[in-house]
């Protein structure tokens, strides 16, 4: 899929050299600006972005709040996705804007993926295109659907046993009601 960019004056252009810059905190639902994603969540997001990047043939950069992961350092590569970390939440916005600035200095278009409206407007002022993180997640819904953990074998047996006992209780209740009906009829 090619990225088609729309400028404010409705001029459409196809971008060949676009780097997608992702605000990592917006890729995990329910997190506010001060909360950091734990390493497991960050790796899960990175794995999803790798799948998207493979499908779409995009260059992808992502920024997370917090310390670098064991799997990848600041500015490092995670299976083709370039990863950055802002040490504190207040440094997130300037770091993302710096990524846009660096890409512009290399004559590359930047597509910033975030849900932060203030950040979007500041990035547009620097010449970046923007996309809501929710829109990206909606487009790749199959990757971002949260699945429950599979039940253990023991819990599965307990659930089946509980359902059987509920069915038996229902049968017993029906039998008692039928006997009461017989007594009432006589």
N, C-alpha and C. Protein backbone atom coordinates (compact mmCIF):
# COMPACT_ATOMS: atom_id res chain seq x y z
N UNK A 1 0.85 -1.17 0.00
CA UNK A 1 0.00 0.00 0.00
C UNK A 1 0.89 1.23 0.00
N UNK A 2 0.62 2.13 -0.92
CA UNK A 2 1.35 3.40 -0.93
C UNK A 2 0.66 4.38 -0.01
N UNK A 3 1.43 5.22 0.60
CA UNK A 3 0.87 6.25 1.45
C UNK A 3 0.54 7.44 0.57
N UNK A 4 -0.72 7.85 0.58
CA UNK A 4 -1.13 9.04 -0.16
C UNK A 4 -1.31 10.15 0.85
N UNK A 5 -0.62 11.24 0.64
CA UNK A 5 -0.64 12.34 1.57
C UNK A 5 -1.48 13.47 1.01
N UNK A 6 -2.26 14.09 1.87
CA UNK A 6 -3.11 15.21 1.47
C UNK A 6 -2.60 16.46 2.18
N UNK A 7 -2.27 17.45 1.42
CA UNK A 7 -1.84 18.72 2.00
C UNK A 7 -3.09 19.54 2.33
N UNK A 8 -2.91 20.63 3.04
CA UNK A 8 -4.05 21.43 3.47
C UNK A 8 -4.82 22.04 2.30
N UNK A 9 -4.18 22.29 1.21
CA UNK A 9 -4.86 22.89 0.07
C UNK A 9 -5.34 21.82 -0.92
N UNK A 10 -5.63 20.62 -0.42
CA UNK A 10 -6.18 19.50 -1.19
C UNK A 10 -5.30 19.04 -2.34
N UNK A 11 -4.01 19.23 -2.24
CA UNK A 11 -3.09 18.71 -3.24
C UNK A 11 -2.68 17.32 -2.78
N UNK A 12 -2.89 16.34 -3.65
CA UNK A 12 -2.57 14.96 -3.31
C UNK A 12 -1.23 14.59 -3.89
N UNK A 13 -0.43 13.93 -3.11
CA UNK A 13 0.85 13.46 -3.61
C UNK A 13 1.11 12.07 -3.09
N UNK A 14 1.75 11.26 -3.89
CA UNK A 14 2.16 9.95 -3.42
C UNK A 14 3.58 10.07 -2.93
N UNK A 15 3.80 9.53 -1.76
CA UNK A 15 5.11 9.65 -1.16
C UNK A 15 5.89 8.35 -1.35
N UNK A 16 7.07 8.48 -1.88
CA UNK A 16 7.93 7.32 -2.05
C UNK A 16 8.82 7.11 -0.83
N UNK A 17 9.30 8.18 -0.25
CA UNK A 17 10.26 8.15 0.86
C UNK A 17 9.59 8.67 2.12
N UNK A 18 8.65 7.93 2.68
CA UNK A 18 7.97 8.35 3.90
C UNK A 18 8.43 7.48 5.05
N UNK A 19 8.71 8.14 6.16
CA UNK A 19 8.99 7.42 7.38
C UNK A 19 7.83 7.65 8.33
N UNK A 20 7.29 6.57 8.84
CA UNK A 20 6.17 6.64 9.78
C UNK A 20 6.77 6.73 11.19
N UNK A 21 6.47 7.83 11.87
CA UNK A 21 6.96 8.06 13.23
C UNK A 21 5.79 7.81 14.18
N UNK A 22 5.93 6.83 15.05
CA UNK A 22 4.82 6.40 15.90
C UNK A 22 5.06 6.82 17.35
N UNK A 23 4.05 7.44 17.92
CA UNK A 23 4.05 7.75 19.35
C UNK A 23 3.62 6.48 20.07
N UNK A 24 4.59 5.76 20.63
CA UNK A 24 4.34 4.44 21.20
C UNK A 24 3.29 4.39 22.29
N UNK A 25 3.17 5.45 23.08
CA UNK A 25 2.22 5.42 24.19
C UNK A 25 0.78 5.37 23.68
N UNK A 26 0.53 5.85 22.47
CA UNK A 26 -0.83 5.84 21.93
C UNK A 26 -1.22 4.51 21.30
N UNK A 27 -0.29 3.59 21.23
CA UNK A 27 -0.59 2.30 20.62
C UNK A 27 -1.15 1.31 21.64
N UNK A 28 -1.15 1.68 22.91
CA UNK A 28 -1.68 0.82 23.97
C UNK A 28 -2.87 1.54 24.60
N UNK A 29 -4.07 0.95 24.52
CA UNK A 29 -5.25 1.64 25.02
C UNK A 29 -5.23 1.83 26.54
N UNK A 30 -5.83 2.95 26.96
CA UNK A 30 -6.01 3.18 28.38
C UNK A 30 -4.82 3.76 29.12
N UNK A 31 -3.78 4.15 28.42
CA UNK A 31 -2.62 4.74 29.09
C UNK A 31 -2.66 6.25 28.92
N UNK A 32 -2.44 6.97 30.03
CA UNK A 32 -2.38 8.41 29.91
C UNK A 32 -0.92 8.84 29.71
N UNK A 33 -0.72 10.14 29.58
CA UNK A 33 0.60 10.65 29.20
C UNK A 33 1.69 10.36 30.23
N UNK A 34 1.32 10.33 31.51
CA UNK A 34 2.33 10.11 32.55
C UNK A 34 2.70 8.64 32.73
N UNK A 35 1.85 7.74 32.32
CA UNK A 35 2.11 6.32 32.52
C UNK A 35 3.08 5.79 31.48
N UNK A 36 3.98 4.94 31.95
CA UNK A 36 4.92 4.28 31.03
C UNK A 36 4.40 2.89 30.72
N UNK A 37 4.65 2.46 29.51
CA UNK A 37 4.32 1.08 29.15
C UNK A 37 5.37 0.18 29.76
N UNK A 38 4.97 -0.99 30.21
CA UNK A 38 5.97 -1.91 30.73
C UNK A 38 6.70 -2.57 29.55
N UNK A 39 7.85 -3.16 29.79
CA UNK A 39 8.64 -3.73 28.69
C UNK A 39 7.87 -4.74 27.84
N UNK A 40 7.03 -5.53 28.48
CA UNK A 40 6.25 -6.53 27.73
C UNK A 40 5.32 -5.84 26.73
N UNK A 41 4.63 -4.77 27.18
CA UNK A 41 3.73 -4.03 26.29
C UNK A 41 4.51 -3.39 25.15
N UNK A 42 5.70 -2.86 25.46
CA UNK A 42 6.51 -2.23 24.42
C UNK A 42 6.93 -3.25 23.36
N UNK A 43 7.34 -4.42 23.79
CA UNK A 43 7.75 -5.47 22.84
C UNK A 43 6.56 -5.91 22.00
N UNK A 44 5.39 -6.04 22.62
CA UNK A 44 4.19 -6.42 21.87
C UNK A 44 3.88 -5.39 20.79
N UNK A 45 3.98 -4.12 21.14
CA UNK A 45 3.73 -3.05 20.16
C UNK A 45 4.78 -3.11 19.05
N UNK A 46 6.02 -3.32 19.43
CA UNK A 46 7.08 -3.42 18.41
C UNK A 46 6.80 -4.58 17.45
N UNK A 47 6.37 -5.71 17.98
CA UNK A 47 6.08 -6.87 17.13
C UNK A 47 4.94 -6.56 16.16
N UNK A 48 3.93 -5.84 16.63
CA UNK A 48 2.82 -5.45 15.76
C UNK A 48 3.29 -4.48 14.68
N UNK A 49 4.13 -3.53 15.07
CA UNK A 49 4.64 -2.58 14.08
C UNK A 49 5.53 -3.26 13.05
N UNK A 50 6.27 -4.28 13.46
CA UNK A 50 7.09 -5.05 12.51
C UNK A 50 6.18 -5.73 11.48
N UNK A 51 5.07 -6.30 11.95
CA UNK A 51 4.14 -6.96 11.02
C UNK A 51 3.54 -5.95 10.04
N UNK A 52 3.17 -4.79 10.54
CA UNK A 52 2.61 -3.75 9.66
C UNK A 52 3.67 -3.29 8.67
N UNK A 53 4.87 -3.08 9.17
CA UNK A 53 5.96 -2.62 8.30
C UNK A 53 6.26 -3.64 7.21
N UNK A 54 6.22 -4.92 7.54
CA UNK A 54 6.45 -5.97 6.55
C UNK A 54 5.36 -5.98 5.49
N UNK A 55 4.11 -5.78 5.92
CA UNK A 55 2.99 -5.76 4.97
C UNK A 55 3.05 -4.55 4.05
N UNK A 56 3.41 -3.42 4.60
CA UNK A 56 3.30 -2.15 3.88
C UNK A 56 4.61 -1.64 3.30
N UNK A 57 5.73 -2.24 3.68
CA UNK A 57 7.04 -1.79 3.22
C UNK A 57 7.30 -0.33 3.60
N UNK A 58 7.06 -0.01 4.87
CA UNK A 58 7.30 1.32 5.40
C UNK A 58 8.61 1.34 6.17
N UNK A 59 9.21 2.53 6.29
CA UNK A 59 10.25 2.75 7.28
C UNK A 59 9.50 3.24 8.52
N UNK A 60 9.77 2.64 9.65
CA UNK A 60 9.03 2.98 10.86
C UNK A 60 9.98 3.33 11.99
N UNK A 61 9.66 4.43 12.66
CA UNK A 61 10.35 4.83 13.88
C UNK A 61 9.29 4.86 14.97
N UNK A 62 9.65 4.47 16.18
CA UNK A 62 8.71 4.51 17.30
C UNK A 62 9.41 5.08 18.52
N UNK A 63 8.64 5.82 19.32
CA UNK A 63 9.19 6.43 20.54
C UNK A 63 8.37 5.96 21.73
N UNK A 64 9.07 5.46 22.75
CA UNK A 64 8.44 5.06 24.02
C UNK A 64 8.98 5.93 25.14
N UNK A 65 8.19 6.09 26.20
CA UNK A 65 8.67 6.73 27.42
C UNK A 65 9.41 5.69 28.24
N UNK A 66 10.47 6.11 28.92
CA UNK A 66 11.14 5.21 29.84
C UNK A 66 12.52 4.79 29.38
N UNK A 67 13.02 3.78 30.06
CA UNK A 67 14.37 3.27 29.82
C UNK A 67 14.38 2.34 28.60
N UNK A 68 15.54 2.25 27.92
CA UNK A 68 15.65 1.31 26.79
C UNK A 68 15.41 -0.13 27.22
N UNK A 69 14.96 -0.92 26.29
CA UNK A 69 14.69 -2.33 26.55
C UNK A 69 15.96 -3.15 26.47
N UNK A 70 15.92 -4.35 27.02
CA UNK A 70 17.05 -5.27 26.87
C UNK A 70 17.23 -5.64 25.40
N UNK A 71 16.10 -5.76 24.69
CA UNK A 71 16.14 -6.20 23.30
C UNK A 71 16.65 -5.13 22.34
N UNK A 72 16.56 -3.85 22.71
CA UNK A 72 16.96 -2.78 21.80
C UNK A 72 17.31 -1.51 22.60
N UNK A 73 18.39 -0.86 22.19
CA UNK A 73 18.83 0.38 22.82
C UNK A 73 18.16 1.58 22.17
N UNK A 74 18.35 2.75 22.76
CA UNK A 74 17.87 4.01 22.18
C UNK A 74 18.51 4.20 20.81
N UNK A 75 17.67 4.41 19.81
CA UNK A 75 18.17 4.60 18.44
C UNK A 75 18.48 3.29 17.74
N UNK A 76 18.22 2.18 18.42
CA UNK A 76 18.54 0.87 17.86
C UNK A 76 17.46 0.36 16.92
N UNK A 77 17.73 -0.81 16.36
CA UNK A 77 16.86 -1.42 15.38
C UNK A 77 16.22 -2.68 15.96
N UNK A 78 14.90 -2.76 15.89
CA UNK A 78 14.17 -3.96 16.33
C UNK A 78 13.48 -4.54 15.10
N UNK A 79 14.13 -5.50 14.48
CA UNK A 79 13.61 -6.19 13.30
C UNK A 79 13.14 -5.21 12.21
N UNK A 80 13.90 -4.15 12.02
CA UNK A 80 13.59 -3.17 10.97
C UNK A 80 12.91 -1.92 11.47
N UNK A 81 12.44 -1.91 12.70
CA UNK A 81 11.81 -0.73 13.28
C UNK A 81 12.84 -0.01 14.14
N UNK A 82 13.03 1.28 13.88
CA UNK A 82 13.98 2.07 14.67
C UNK A 82 13.28 2.54 15.93
N UNK A 83 13.93 2.35 17.08
CA UNK A 83 13.28 2.58 18.38
C UNK A 83 14.03 3.66 19.16
N UNK A 84 13.24 4.60 19.70
CA UNK A 84 13.79 5.67 20.53
C UNK A 84 13.06 5.67 21.87
N UNK A 85 13.73 6.21 22.88
CA UNK A 85 13.15 6.29 24.22
C UNK A 85 13.31 7.70 24.75
N UNK A 86 12.25 8.26 25.33
CA UNK A 86 12.38 9.54 26.02
C UNK A 86 12.45 9.22 27.51
N UNK A 87 13.47 9.73 28.18
CA UNK A 87 13.67 9.36 29.59
C UNK A 87 12.49 9.74 30.49
N UNK A 88 11.83 10.85 30.20
CA UNK A 88 10.69 11.28 31.02
C UNK A 88 9.52 11.64 30.10
N UNK A 89 8.29 11.52 30.58
CA UNK A 89 7.12 11.86 29.75
C UNK A 89 7.15 13.29 29.17
N UNK A 90 7.61 14.31 29.93
CA UNK A 90 7.63 15.65 29.32
C UNK A 90 8.58 15.77 28.12
N UNK A 91 9.54 14.87 27.99
CA UNK A 91 10.47 14.94 26.86
C UNK A 91 9.94 14.21 25.62
N UNK A 92 8.77 13.58 25.73
CA UNK A 92 8.20 12.82 24.63
C UNK A 92 7.90 13.71 23.42
N UNK A 93 7.20 14.80 23.63
CA UNK A 93 6.80 15.67 22.52
C UNK A 93 8.02 16.28 21.83
N UNK A 94 8.98 16.88 22.56
CA UNK A 94 10.16 17.42 21.87
C UNK A 94 10.95 16.35 21.11
N UNK A 95 11.00 15.14 21.64
CA UNK A 95 11.74 14.07 20.97
C UNK A 95 11.04 13.67 19.67
N UNK A 96 9.72 13.56 19.69
CA UNK A 96 8.98 13.24 18.46
C UNK A 96 9.15 14.34 17.42
N UNK A 97 9.09 15.59 17.86
CA UNK A 97 9.29 16.70 16.93
C UNK A 97 10.71 16.72 16.38
N UNK A 98 11.67 16.31 17.19
CA UNK A 98 13.06 16.21 16.72
C UNK A 98 13.17 15.14 15.64
N UNK A 99 12.46 14.04 15.79
CA UNK A 99 12.45 12.99 14.75
C UNK A 99 11.93 13.55 13.43
N UNK A 100 10.85 14.32 13.50
CA UNK A 100 10.29 14.94 12.29
C UNK A 100 11.31 15.89 11.66
N UNK A 101 11.96 16.67 12.50
CA UNK A 101 12.96 17.64 12.02
C UNK A 101 14.13 16.94 11.33
N UNK A 102 14.60 15.85 11.93
CA UNK A 102 15.71 15.09 11.34
C UNK A 102 15.31 14.52 9.98
N UNK A 103 14.10 13.99 9.89
CA UNK A 103 13.64 13.44 8.62
C UNK A 103 13.50 14.53 7.56
N UNK A 104 13.00 15.66 7.93
CA UNK A 104 12.88 16.78 6.99
C UNK A 104 14.25 17.24 6.51
N UNK A 105 15.24 17.23 7.39
CA UNK A 105 16.60 17.64 7.00
C UNK A 105 17.21 16.64 6.01
N UNK A 106 16.68 15.40 6.01
CA UNK A 106 17.15 14.38 5.06
C UNK A 106 16.26 14.32 3.82
N UNK A 107 15.40 15.34 3.64
CA UNK A 107 14.47 15.42 2.52
C UNK A 107 13.53 14.22 2.46
N UNK A 108 13.10 13.77 3.61
CA UNK A 108 12.14 12.66 3.69
C UNK A 108 10.85 13.19 4.31
N UNK A 109 9.74 12.68 3.83
CA UNK A 109 8.46 13.04 4.43
C UNK A 109 8.27 12.23 5.69
N UNK A 110 7.59 12.83 6.66
CA UNK A 110 7.31 12.15 7.92
C UNK A 110 5.80 12.07 8.11
N UNK A 111 5.33 10.91 8.51
CA UNK A 111 3.94 10.72 8.87
C UNK A 111 3.92 10.41 10.36
N UNK A 112 3.44 11.35 11.15
CA UNK A 112 3.42 11.18 12.60
C UNK A 112 2.11 10.53 13.03
N UNK A 113 2.20 9.42 13.73
CA UNK A 113 1.03 8.68 14.22
C UNK A 113 0.90 8.93 15.71
N UNK A 114 -0.14 9.68 16.08
CA UNK A 114 -0.36 10.03 17.49
C UNK A 114 -1.82 10.37 17.70
N UNK A 115 -2.26 10.35 18.95
CA UNK A 115 -3.60 10.82 19.30
C UNK A 115 -3.55 12.19 19.97
N UNK A 116 -2.37 12.75 20.13
CA UNK A 116 -2.16 14.03 20.79
C UNK A 116 -2.41 15.17 19.78
N UNK A 117 -3.51 15.90 19.95
CA UNK A 117 -3.88 16.94 18.98
C UNK A 117 -2.89 18.10 18.97
N UNK A 118 -2.36 18.47 20.14
CA UNK A 118 -1.37 19.56 20.18
C UNK A 118 -0.10 19.16 19.43
N UNK A 119 0.33 17.93 19.63
CA UNK A 119 1.51 17.42 18.94
C UNK A 119 1.26 17.37 17.43
N UNK A 120 0.06 16.97 17.04
CA UNK A 120 -0.28 16.94 15.61
C UNK A 120 -0.11 18.31 14.97
N UNK A 121 -0.66 19.34 15.60
CA UNK A 121 -0.58 20.67 15.01
C UNK A 121 0.86 21.17 14.96
N UNK A 122 1.65 20.89 15.98
CA UNK A 122 3.05 21.31 15.97
C UNK A 122 3.84 20.57 14.90
N UNK A 123 3.52 19.29 14.69
CA UNK A 123 4.22 18.51 13.66
C UNK A 123 3.84 19.01 12.27
N UNK A 124 2.56 19.36 12.07
CA UNK A 124 2.13 19.91 10.78
C UNK A 124 2.84 21.22 10.47
N UNK A 125 3.08 22.03 11.50
CA UNK A 125 3.81 23.29 11.31
C UNK A 125 5.23 23.02 10.80
N UNK A 126 5.79 21.87 11.19
CA UNK A 126 7.14 21.50 10.74
C UNK A 126 7.12 20.77 9.40
N UNK A 127 5.93 20.59 8.82
CA UNK A 127 5.85 19.97 7.51
C UNK A 127 5.55 18.49 7.51
N UNK A 128 5.19 17.93 8.66
CA UNK A 128 4.88 16.51 8.73
C UNK A 128 3.39 16.29 8.43
N UNK A 129 3.09 15.11 7.99
CA UNK A 129 1.70 14.68 7.84
C UNK A 129 1.34 13.92 9.11
N UNK A 130 0.05 13.86 9.43
CA UNK A 130 -0.34 13.22 10.68
C UNK A 130 -1.45 12.20 10.44
N UNK A 131 -1.50 11.24 11.33
CA UNK A 131 -2.53 10.22 11.33
C UNK A 131 -2.82 9.87 12.77
N UNK A 132 -4.08 9.73 13.10
CA UNK A 132 -4.45 9.35 14.46
C UNK A 132 -4.05 7.89 14.70
N UNK A 133 -3.49 7.64 15.87
CA UNK A 133 -3.09 6.27 16.23
C UNK A 133 -4.30 5.35 16.24
N UNK A 134 -5.45 5.88 16.66
CA UNK A 134 -6.67 5.07 16.66
C UNK A 134 -7.04 4.62 15.24
N UNK A 135 -6.79 5.48 14.26
CA UNK A 135 -7.08 5.14 12.86
C UNK A 135 -6.15 4.04 12.37
N UNK A 136 -4.89 4.13 12.74
CA UNK A 136 -3.94 3.08 12.35
C UNK A 136 -4.34 1.75 12.98
N UNK A 137 -4.68 1.78 14.26
CA UNK A 137 -5.09 0.55 14.96
C UNK A 137 -6.37 -0.01 14.35
N UNK A 138 -7.28 0.86 13.95
CA UNK A 138 -8.53 0.40 13.33
C UNK A 138 -8.25 -0.27 11.99
N UNK A 139 -7.29 0.27 11.23
CA UNK A 139 -6.94 -0.32 9.95
C UNK A 139 -6.29 -1.68 10.07
N UNK A 140 -5.66 -1.93 11.20
CA UNK A 140 -5.00 -3.22 11.45
C UNK A 140 -5.61 -3.85 12.69
N UNK A 141 -6.93 -3.86 12.71
CA UNK A 141 -7.68 -4.31 13.88
C UNK A 141 -7.32 -5.73 14.31
N UNK A 142 -7.05 -6.58 13.35
CA UNK A 142 -6.74 -7.97 13.70
C UNK A 142 -5.47 -8.06 14.55
N UNK A 143 -4.55 -7.11 14.39
CA UNK A 143 -3.32 -7.12 15.20
C UNK A 143 -3.54 -6.53 16.59
N UNK A 144 -4.48 -5.60 16.70
CA UNK A 144 -4.64 -4.87 17.95
C UNK A 144 -5.81 -5.35 18.80
N UNK A 145 -6.47 -6.43 18.41
CA UNK A 145 -7.53 -7.00 19.23
C UNK A 145 -6.87 -7.70 20.41
N UNK A 146 -7.33 -7.36 21.60
CA UNK A 146 -6.73 -8.00 22.77
C UNK A 146 -7.41 -9.34 23.00
N UNK A 147 -6.61 -10.33 23.16
CA UNK A 147 -7.11 -11.68 23.39
C UNK A 147 -6.79 -12.07 24.82
N UNK A 148 -7.72 -12.80 25.42
CA UNK A 148 -7.48 -13.31 26.76
C UNK A 148 -6.48 -14.44 26.72
N UNK A 149 -5.88 -14.68 27.83
CA UNK A 149 -4.94 -15.79 27.90
C UNK A 149 -5.68 -17.11 27.85
N UNK A 150 -5.12 -18.11 27.25
CA UNK A 150 -5.81 -19.41 27.21
C UNK A 150 -5.91 -20.00 28.61
N UNK A 151 -7.00 -20.73 28.84
CA UNK A 151 -7.19 -21.36 30.14
C UNK A 151 -6.25 -22.54 30.29
N UNK A 152 -5.83 -22.77 31.51
CA UNK A 152 -5.03 -23.95 31.78
C UNK A 152 -5.93 -25.18 31.68
N UNK A 153 -5.34 -26.32 31.53
CA UNK A 153 -6.11 -27.56 31.41
C UNK A 153 -6.97 -27.78 32.66
N UNK A 154 -6.41 -27.49 33.83
CA UNK A 154 -7.14 -27.67 35.08
C UNK A 154 -8.37 -26.76 35.11
N UNK A 155 -8.20 -25.50 34.77
CA UNK A 155 -9.33 -24.57 34.79
C UNK A 155 -10.38 -24.96 33.75
N UNK A 156 -9.94 -25.47 32.61
CA UNK A 156 -10.86 -25.89 31.57
C UNK A 156 -11.73 -27.04 32.09
N UNK A 157 -11.11 -28.02 32.79
CA UNK A 157 -11.86 -29.13 33.35
C UNK A 157 -12.83 -28.66 34.43
N UNK A 158 -12.40 -27.73 35.26
CA UNK A 158 -13.29 -27.20 36.30
C UNK A 158 -14.50 -26.51 35.68
N UNK A 159 -14.27 -25.76 34.61
CA UNK A 159 -15.36 -25.06 33.94
C UNK A 159 -16.36 -26.07 33.36
N UNK A 160 -15.84 -27.10 32.71
CA UNK A 160 -16.70 -28.13 32.13
C UNK A 160 -17.48 -28.84 33.23
N UNK A 161 -16.79 -29.18 34.33
CA UNK A 161 -17.46 -29.86 35.45
C UNK A 161 -18.57 -28.98 36.04
N UNK A 162 -18.30 -27.68 36.17
CA UNK A 162 -19.29 -26.76 36.73
C UNK A 162 -20.52 -26.70 35.81
N UNK A 163 -20.29 -26.65 34.52
CA UNK A 163 -21.42 -26.61 33.58
C UNK A 163 -22.23 -27.90 33.65
N UNK A 164 -21.55 -29.03 33.78
CA UNK A 164 -22.27 -30.32 33.90
C UNK A 164 -23.12 -30.33 35.16
N UNK A 165 -22.56 -29.87 36.28
CA UNK A 165 -23.31 -29.89 37.53
C UNK A 165 -24.51 -28.94 37.46
N UNK A 166 -24.35 -27.80 36.77
CA UNK A 166 -25.47 -26.88 36.61
C UNK A 166 -26.58 -27.53 35.78
N UNK A 167 -26.19 -28.27 34.75
CA UNK A 167 -27.19 -28.97 33.93
C UNK A 167 -27.90 -30.03 34.75
N UNK A 168 -27.15 -30.78 35.57
CA UNK A 168 -27.75 -31.82 36.40
C UNK A 168 -28.71 -31.21 37.43
N UNK A 169 -28.30 -30.08 38.01
CA UNK A 169 -29.17 -29.40 38.97
C UNK A 169 -30.46 -28.96 38.28
N UNK A 170 -30.34 -28.50 37.06
CA UNK A 170 -31.52 -28.10 36.29
C UNK A 170 -32.44 -29.28 36.05
N UNK A 171 -31.87 -30.46 35.72
CA UNK A 171 -32.66 -31.66 35.52
C UNK A 171 -33.35 -32.08 36.82
N UNK A 172 -32.61 -32.01 37.94
CA UNK A 172 -33.18 -32.36 39.24
C UNK A 172 -34.35 -31.43 39.58
N UNK A 173 -34.17 -30.14 39.32
CA UNK A 173 -35.22 -29.17 39.61
C UNK A 173 -36.47 -29.46 38.77
N UNK A 174 -36.26 -29.82 37.50
CA UNK A 174 -37.37 -30.15 36.61
C UNK A 174 -38.12 -31.38 37.12
N UNK A 175 -37.36 -32.39 37.56
CA UNK A 175 -37.96 -33.61 38.07
C UNK A 175 -38.80 -33.32 39.32
N UNK A 176 -38.30 -32.48 40.20
CA UNK A 176 -39.04 -32.11 41.41
C UNK A 176 -40.31 -31.37 41.04
N UNK A 177 -40.22 -30.42 40.08
CA UNK A 177 -41.41 -29.68 39.65
C UNK A 177 -42.44 -30.62 39.03
N UNK A 178 -41.99 -31.60 38.26
CA UNK A 178 -42.91 -32.56 37.65
C UNK A 178 -43.64 -33.36 38.73
N UNK A 179 -42.93 -33.78 39.81
CA UNK A 179 -43.55 -34.53 40.90
C UNK A 179 -44.56 -33.67 41.64
N UNK A 180 -44.23 -32.40 41.84
CA UNK A 180 -45.16 -31.49 42.52
C UNK A 180 -46.41 -31.33 41.67
N UNK A 181 -46.22 -31.20 40.35
CA UNK A 181 -47.37 -31.07 39.46
C UNK A 181 -48.27 -32.30 39.54
N UNK A 182 -47.65 -33.50 39.64
CA UNK A 182 -48.43 -34.72 39.73
C UNK A 182 -49.26 -34.76 41.01
N UNK A 183 -48.66 -34.33 42.13
CA UNK A 183 -49.35 -34.32 43.41
C UNK A 183 -50.49 -33.30 43.38
N UNK A 184 -50.25 -32.13 42.78
CA UNK A 184 -51.27 -31.10 42.70
C UNK A 184 -52.44 -31.53 41.83
N UNK A 185 -52.17 -32.33 40.80
CA UNK A 185 -53.23 -32.76 39.88
C UNK A 185 -54.16 -33.77 40.56
N UNK A 186 -53.71 -34.52 41.52
CA UNK A 186 -54.56 -35.55 42.14
C UNK A 186 -55.42 -34.95 43.14
